[in-house]
Amino acid sequence: MNYFGIGMRYNDIMELDHWLRRRIRMCYLKQWGWARKRIGELIKLGSPKYQAILTGLSRKGYWHLAKTYATNCGLSKQYLKNQGLVSLRTLWIRIHYPA
């Protein structure tokens, strides 16, 4: 959160934070590539088996699959946080409302 990030509205930060998480989920799906690998990784990350199979076998684009139930269960906010993703919302609140 640099100089211009301080002046952004809360709604803009939330929208950007949502877009960033979806983009990262899309990159994970793209990295896994083939359907079998996607299904296995989603199940390993805790997605329901049936939903993981539906998502893994889907012919939709990566951007569309990044917002499916199975992807959001497996690559949850908590998982991304554990991987090192810093929430823009948390940073914005820390800057605007210091405790």
N, C-alpha and C. Protein backbone atom coordinates (compact mmCIF):
# COMPACT_ATOMS: atom_id res chain seq x y z
N MET A 1 0.84 -1.17 0.00
CA MET A 1 0.00 0.00 0.00
C MET A 1 0.89 1.24 0.00
N ASN A 2 1.19 1.72 -1.16
CA ASN A 2 2.02 2.91 -1.28
C ASN A 2 1.16 4.16 -1.25
N TYR A 3 1.70 5.24 -1.77
CA TYR A 3 1.07 6.56 -1.69
C TYR A 3 -0.35 6.56 -2.27
N PHE A 4 -0.53 6.03 -3.48
CA PHE A 4 -1.84 6.08 -4.11
C PHE A 4 -2.80 5.04 -3.53
N GLY A 5 -2.28 3.99 -2.95
CA GLY A 5 -3.13 2.98 -2.33
C GLY A 5 -3.84 3.51 -1.10
N ILE A 6 -3.24 4.50 -0.44
CA ILE A 6 -3.85 5.07 0.75
C ILE A 6 -5.14 5.81 0.39
N GLY A 7 -5.15 6.45 -0.78
CA GLY A 7 -6.31 7.24 -1.18
C GLY A 7 -7.45 6.45 -1.79
N MET A 8 -7.28 5.16 -1.99
CA MET A 8 -8.34 4.36 -2.61
C MET A 8 -9.49 4.14 -1.63
N ARG A 9 -10.69 4.05 -2.18
CA ARG A 9 -11.87 3.78 -1.36
C ARG A 9 -11.89 2.31 -0.96
N TYR A 10 -12.62 2.02 0.10
CA TYR A 10 -12.72 0.65 0.61
C TYR A 10 -13.30 -0.30 -0.44
N ASN A 11 -14.35 0.13 -1.15
CA ASN A 11 -14.98 -0.73 -2.16
C ASN A 11 -14.01 -1.06 -3.28
N ASP A 12 -13.18 -0.10 -3.68
CA ASP A 12 -12.19 -0.36 -4.72
C ASP A 12 -11.16 -1.38 -4.26
N ILE A 13 -10.77 -1.28 -3.01
CA ILE A 13 -9.80 -2.23 -2.44
C ILE A 13 -10.40 -3.63 -2.40
N MET A 14 -11.66 -3.73 -1.99
CA MET A 14 -12.31 -5.04 -1.92
C MET A 14 -12.41 -5.67 -3.31
N GLU A 15 -12.76 -4.87 -4.30
CA GLU A 15 -12.88 -5.37 -5.67
C GLU A 15 -11.52 -5.84 -6.19
N LEU A 16 -10.48 -5.07 -5.92
CA LEU A 16 -9.13 -5.44 -6.35
C LEU A 16 -8.64 -6.69 -5.64
N ASP A 17 -8.94 -6.81 -4.35
CA ASP A 17 -8.55 -7.97 -3.56
C ASP A 17 -9.24 -9.23 -4.09
N HIS A 18 -10.53 -9.10 -4.41
CA HIS A 18 -11.29 -10.23 -4.97
C HIS A 18 -10.71 -10.65 -6.32
N TRP A 19 -10.42 -9.66 -7.17
CA TRP A 19 -9.87 -9.95 -8.50
C TRP A 19 -8.51 -10.63 -8.38
N LEU A 20 -7.68 -10.19 -7.45
CA LEU A 20 -6.34 -10.75 -7.28
C LEU A 20 -6.41 -12.21 -6.84
N ARG A 21 -7.28 -12.52 -5.88
CA ARG A 21 -7.43 -13.91 -5.44
C ARG A 21 -7.94 -14.80 -6.57
N ARG A 22 -8.88 -14.29 -7.35
CA ARG A 22 -9.40 -15.08 -8.47
C ARG A 22 -8.31 -15.32 -9.51
N ARG A 23 -7.48 -14.33 -9.77
CA ARG A 23 -6.39 -14.45 -10.73
C ARG A 23 -5.36 -15.48 -10.25
N ILE A 24 -5.08 -15.50 -8.96
CA ILE A 24 -4.14 -16.48 -8.42
C ILE A 24 -4.72 -17.88 -8.52
N ARG A 25 -6.02 -18.03 -8.22
CA ARG A 25 -6.66 -19.34 -8.39
C ARG A 25 -6.59 -19.79 -9.84
N MET A 26 -6.79 -18.87 -10.76
CA MET A 26 -6.70 -19.18 -12.18
C MET A 26 -5.30 -19.67 -12.54
N CYS A 27 -4.28 -19.04 -11.99
CA CYS A 27 -2.90 -19.45 -12.27
C CYS A 27 -2.62 -20.85 -11.74
N TYR A 28 -3.16 -21.18 -10.56
CA TYR A 28 -3.01 -22.54 -10.04
C TYR A 28 -3.66 -23.55 -11.00
N LEU A 29 -4.88 -23.26 -11.44
CA LEU A 29 -5.56 -24.18 -12.36
C LEU A 29 -4.78 -24.34 -13.65
N LYS A 30 -4.24 -23.26 -14.15
CA LYS A 30 -3.48 -23.30 -15.39
C LYS A 30 -2.19 -24.09 -15.20
N GLN A 31 -1.58 -23.95 -14.03
CA GLN A 31 -0.35 -24.67 -13.73
C GLN A 31 -0.59 -26.17 -13.67
N TRP A 32 -1.75 -26.57 -13.14
CA TRP A 32 -2.05 -27.99 -13.04
C TRP A 32 -2.36 -28.60 -14.40
N GLY A 33 -2.86 -27.80 -15.32
CA GLY A 33 -3.02 -28.24 -16.70
C GLY A 33 -4.09 -29.28 -16.95
N TRP A 34 -3.71 -30.53 -17.01
CA TRP A 34 -4.62 -31.61 -17.42
C TRP A 34 -5.68 -31.89 -16.37
N ALA A 35 -6.79 -32.47 -16.83
CA ALA A 35 -7.96 -32.71 -15.98
C ALA A 35 -7.63 -33.61 -14.80
N ARG A 36 -6.89 -34.67 -15.03
CA ARG A 36 -6.57 -35.61 -13.96
C ARG A 36 -5.78 -34.93 -12.84
N LYS A 37 -4.85 -34.10 -13.22
CA LYS A 37 -4.04 -33.37 -12.24
C LYS A 37 -4.91 -32.36 -11.47
N ARG A 38 -5.80 -31.66 -12.18
CA ARG A 38 -6.68 -30.70 -11.52
C ARG A 38 -7.57 -31.39 -10.50
N ILE A 39 -8.16 -32.51 -10.89
CA ILE A 39 -9.05 -33.24 -9.98
C ILE A 39 -8.28 -33.69 -8.75
N GLY A 40 -7.12 -34.28 -8.95
CA GLY A 40 -6.32 -34.76 -7.83
C GLY A 40 -5.91 -33.65 -6.88
N GLU A 41 -5.47 -32.54 -7.41
CA GLU A 41 -5.04 -31.42 -6.56
C GLU A 41 -6.21 -30.82 -5.80
N LEU A 42 -7.35 -30.67 -6.45
CA LEU A 42 -8.52 -30.11 -5.76
C LEU A 42 -8.99 -31.02 -4.63
N ILE A 43 -8.98 -32.33 -4.86
CA ILE A 43 -9.37 -33.27 -3.81
C ILE A 43 -8.35 -33.23 -2.67
N LYS A 44 -7.06 -33.15 -3.03
CA LYS A 44 -6.01 -33.09 -2.01
C LYS A 44 -6.15 -31.83 -1.14
N LEU A 45 -6.62 -30.74 -1.74
CA LEU A 45 -6.77 -29.49 -1.01
C LEU A 45 -8.08 -29.41 -0.22
N GLY A 46 -8.93 -30.43 -0.33
CA GLY A 46 -10.13 -30.48 0.50
C GLY A 46 -11.44 -30.17 -0.19
N SER A 47 -11.46 -30.10 -1.49
CA SER A 47 -12.72 -29.88 -2.21
C SER A 47 -13.55 -31.16 -2.18
N PRO A 48 -14.87 -31.04 -2.19
CA PRO A 48 -15.71 -32.24 -2.29
C PRO A 48 -15.39 -32.99 -3.60
N LYS A 49 -15.36 -34.31 -3.52
CA LYS A 49 -14.92 -35.13 -4.65
C LYS A 49 -15.76 -34.89 -5.90
N TYR A 50 -17.07 -34.88 -5.74
CA TYR A 50 -17.95 -34.71 -6.90
C TYR A 50 -17.73 -33.35 -7.55
N GLN A 51 -17.62 -32.30 -6.74
CA GLN A 51 -17.40 -30.96 -7.27
C GLN A 51 -16.03 -30.85 -7.95
N ALA A 52 -15.03 -31.51 -7.37
CA ALA A 52 -13.69 -31.49 -7.96
C ALA A 52 -13.69 -32.16 -9.33
N ILE A 53 -14.44 -33.25 -9.45
CA ILE A 53 -14.53 -33.96 -10.74
C ILE A 53 -15.24 -33.08 -11.76
N LEU A 54 -16.35 -32.45 -11.36
CA LEU A 54 -17.06 -31.56 -12.29
C LEU A 54 -16.17 -30.42 -12.76
N THR A 55 -15.43 -29.84 -11.85
CA THR A 55 -14.55 -28.72 -12.21
C THR A 55 -13.38 -29.21 -13.06
N GLY A 56 -12.80 -30.33 -12.68
CA GLY A 56 -11.64 -30.84 -13.42
C GLY A 56 -11.97 -31.24 -14.84
N LEU A 57 -13.15 -31.78 -15.07
CA LEU A 57 -13.53 -32.24 -16.40
C LEU A 57 -14.20 -31.16 -17.24
N SER A 58 -14.44 -30.00 -16.64
CA SER A 58 -15.12 -28.92 -17.36
C SER A 58 -14.24 -28.39 -18.49
N ARG A 59 -14.88 -28.00 -19.59
CA ARG A 59 -14.15 -27.45 -20.73
C ARG A 59 -14.20 -25.92 -20.73
N LYS A 60 -14.71 -25.36 -19.65
CA LYS A 60 -14.76 -23.90 -19.54
C LYS A 60 -13.34 -23.36 -19.42
N GLY A 61 -13.21 -22.06 -19.55
CA GLY A 61 -11.91 -21.42 -19.45
C GLY A 61 -11.41 -21.35 -18.01
N TYR A 62 -10.12 -21.07 -17.87
CA TYR A 62 -9.53 -21.01 -16.54
C TYR A 62 -10.15 -19.91 -15.69
N TRP A 63 -10.44 -18.77 -16.31
CA TRP A 63 -11.02 -17.65 -15.56
C TRP A 63 -12.39 -18.03 -15.01
N HIS A 64 -13.19 -18.75 -15.80
CA HIS A 64 -14.51 -19.19 -15.34
C HIS A 64 -14.36 -20.22 -14.22
N LEU A 65 -13.43 -21.16 -14.37
CA LEU A 65 -13.25 -22.21 -13.37
C LEU A 65 -12.70 -21.66 -12.05
N ALA A 66 -12.05 -20.50 -12.10
CA ALA A 66 -11.46 -19.93 -10.89
C ALA A 66 -12.51 -19.48 -9.89
N LYS A 67 -13.77 -19.37 -10.31
CA LYS A 67 -14.81 -18.96 -9.36
C LYS A 67 -15.79 -20.08 -9.04
N THR A 68 -15.46 -21.32 -9.36
CA THR A 68 -16.34 -22.44 -9.05
C THR A 68 -16.24 -22.82 -7.58
N TYR A 69 -17.22 -23.58 -7.13
CA TYR A 69 -17.28 -23.99 -5.72
C TYR A 69 -16.06 -24.82 -5.33
N ALA A 70 -15.68 -25.77 -6.16
CA ALA A 70 -14.55 -26.64 -5.83
C ALA A 70 -13.25 -25.86 -5.73
N THR A 71 -13.05 -24.91 -6.62
CA THR A 71 -11.83 -24.12 -6.59
C THR A 71 -11.80 -23.24 -5.35
N ASN A 72 -12.94 -22.65 -5.00
CA ASN A 72 -12.99 -21.79 -3.82
C ASN A 72 -12.86 -22.59 -2.52
N CYS A 73 -13.28 -23.85 -2.52
CA CYS A 73 -13.10 -24.68 -1.33
C CYS A 73 -11.64 -25.09 -1.18
N GLY A 74 -11.05 -25.53 -2.27
CA GLY A 74 -9.66 -26.00 -2.22
C GLY A 74 -8.66 -24.87 -2.04
N LEU A 75 -8.79 -23.85 -2.86
CA LEU A 75 -7.88 -22.71 -2.80
C LEU A 75 -8.57 -21.57 -2.04
N SER A 76 -8.88 -21.82 -0.79
CA SER A 76 -9.63 -20.86 0.02
C SER A 76 -8.75 -19.67 0.39
N LYS A 77 -9.38 -18.67 1.00
CA LYS A 77 -8.64 -17.50 1.47
C LYS A 77 -7.57 -17.92 2.47
N GLN A 78 -7.92 -18.85 3.34
CA GLN A 78 -6.97 -19.31 4.36
C GLN A 78 -5.77 -20.01 3.72
N TYR A 79 -6.02 -20.84 2.71
CA TYR A 79 -4.92 -21.52 2.02
C TYR A 79 -4.00 -20.51 1.35
N LEU A 80 -4.59 -19.53 0.66
CA LEU A 80 -3.77 -18.52 -0.01
C LEU A 80 -3.00 -17.68 1.01
N LYS A 81 -3.61 -17.42 2.16
CA LYS A 81 -2.91 -16.69 3.22
C LYS A 81 -1.72 -17.49 3.73
N ASN A 82 -1.91 -18.80 3.91
CA ASN A 82 -0.81 -19.66 4.35
C ASN A 82 0.31 -19.74 3.32
N GLN A 83 -0.05 -19.56 2.05
CA GLN A 83 0.96 -19.57 0.99
C GLN A 83 1.71 -18.24 0.90
N GLY A 84 1.24 -17.22 1.62
CA GLY A 84 1.96 -15.95 1.66
C GLY A 84 1.25 -14.77 1.04
N LEU A 85 0.01 -14.94 0.60
CA LEU A 85 -0.73 -13.83 0.01
C LEU A 85 -1.20 -12.88 1.11
N VAL A 86 -0.88 -11.61 0.94
CA VAL A 86 -1.28 -10.59 1.91
C VAL A 86 -2.58 -9.96 1.41
N SER A 87 -3.56 -9.86 2.29
CA SER A 87 -4.86 -9.30 1.93
C SER A 87 -4.76 -7.78 1.83
N LEU A 88 -5.21 -7.23 0.70
CA LEU A 88 -5.22 -5.78 0.53
C LEU A 88 -6.20 -5.14 1.50
N ARG A 89 -7.28 -5.83 1.79
CA ARG A 89 -8.28 -5.32 2.74
C ARG A 89 -7.65 -5.12 4.11
N THR A 90 -6.89 -6.11 4.57
CA THR A 90 -6.23 -6.01 5.87
C THR A 90 -5.25 -4.85 5.91
N LEU A 91 -4.47 -4.70 4.84
CA LEU A 91 -3.52 -3.59 4.78
C LEU A 91 -4.24 -2.25 4.80
N TRP A 92 -5.32 -2.14 4.04
CA TRP A 92 -6.08 -0.89 3.97
C TRP A 92 -6.63 -0.52 5.34
N ILE A 93 -7.19 -1.50 6.04
CA ILE A 93 -7.75 -1.25 7.37
C ILE A 93 -6.64 -0.86 8.34
N ARG A 94 -5.49 -1.51 8.26
CA ARG A 94 -4.37 -1.20 9.14
C ARG A 94 -3.87 0.23 8.94
N ILE A 95 -3.90 0.71 7.69
CA ILE A 95 -3.44 2.07 7.39
C ILE A 95 -4.47 3.11 7.82
N HIS A 96 -5.75 2.86 7.53
CA HIS A 96 -6.78 3.86 7.79
C HIS A 96 -7.29 3.87 9.23
N TYR A 97 -7.18 2.76 9.92
CA TYR A 97 -7.65 2.68 11.30
C TYR A 97 -6.57 2.06 12.19
N PRO A 98 -5.48 2.79 12.41
CA PRO A 98 -4.41 2.22 13.25
C PRO A 98 -4.88 2.06 14.70
N ALA A 99 -4.46 0.98 15.30
CA ALA A 99 -4.90 0.71 16.67
C ALA A 99 -3.83 1.09 17.66
